[in-house]
Amino acid sequence: MDIVKGVLGRSRLAAAKGITAVENEYPEATGIMQALYPHTGRAYILGITGPPGAGKSTLTDKLAKEYRKRGKSVGIIAVDPTSPYSGGAILGDRIRMMDIAMDEGVFIRSMATRGSLGGLSQKTADAVKVLDAFGCDIIIIETVGVGQSEVDIVKTADTTMVVLVPGLGDDIQAIKAGILEIGDLFTINKADREGVEKLHIEIEMMLELSGSKGWRPPINRTVASESEGVLEVIDSIEAHAKYLKESNELKARRAESIKTELLAMIAERIRRHINKTVTETRDFEKTIVRLQQREIDPYSIADDILDKILK
């Protein structure tokens, strides 16, 4: 099957195979991405992050349905924890999206963290590009939590929404994870719960302290399971998209994202080269022994290795 031709021809099977090639690092993956790259950059990318149990999947489901009503095609990349049994993504909450999965205008894909998030940002970014070339108007990246690695993943988004829920100590989590810095919108889901006013005030106070200029992240309230507040969230997303375009910040953000991605690619290739030519050799093991015995120092060894690589 010609995956590139299939993706550009809006074949769902080809898109699925393309993402699988990227996720599993098949030999043909780089060629696929090279051919698809000129056809990307059209979709609007929404990142959704927040603590487990905040209702992100339910909210994603409702947003996708609303976008479909507006005639938009939607791609969803759900980054899941790895199943300790199968090594694949735990579908978990994605089951809630089964009804929209039958919609031809919606493409859902779960990606497993496989116990380590190293390289996952790149794989997620490449999966987004596949769906972009496939023709999705809106691509939603949903992460499982609010750790630094998840933050890195959603940094590829044009708009990032942080979903919080009353009663989980989200304020402390938000500060620890630094998600205030990446949140363009905040949504308090399950807003029918006790503690919603307290959480709202705490977010307002933190935003005030952050001293953000230009765009002021709005705080919406939803009860996603009842579809309450979903329209207001989409209004906020569209308002942010308009702000980014009018302020020229969208162009700047995407340039920064491309720069970050390129540097990460270079670093990853260097890491693999070092693994292959240095750390997986017998001499390297001997070097470690000599370092343990303090016969040599790691600073000089690091310089020597780097000199050889850069020759």
Foldseek 3Di string as FASTA:
>chain_A
DPLLVCLLVLNLVSLVVLLVCLQVVPVCNVVSLVSLVVLFDQAAEEEEAEEAPLCRLLLVLLLCVVVVVVVFQEEEEEEAEADPVPLFHDCVVVVVNVVCCPPSSYHYDYGYCSPHVQPVLVSLVSSVSSVRSSPGRYYYYYYHHLAQSSVSNRLLHLAYEYGAEFDPPRLVVCVVSVCLVRHLAYEHEPCVDPRNVVVVVSNVVVQVVVVDPQRRHYYFYYHSVVPGGSVVVVVSVVVSVVSCVVVVVSVVSNVVSVVVSVVSVVVVVVVVVCVVPPVPDPVNVVVVVCVVVVVDDPVVVVVVVVVVVVD
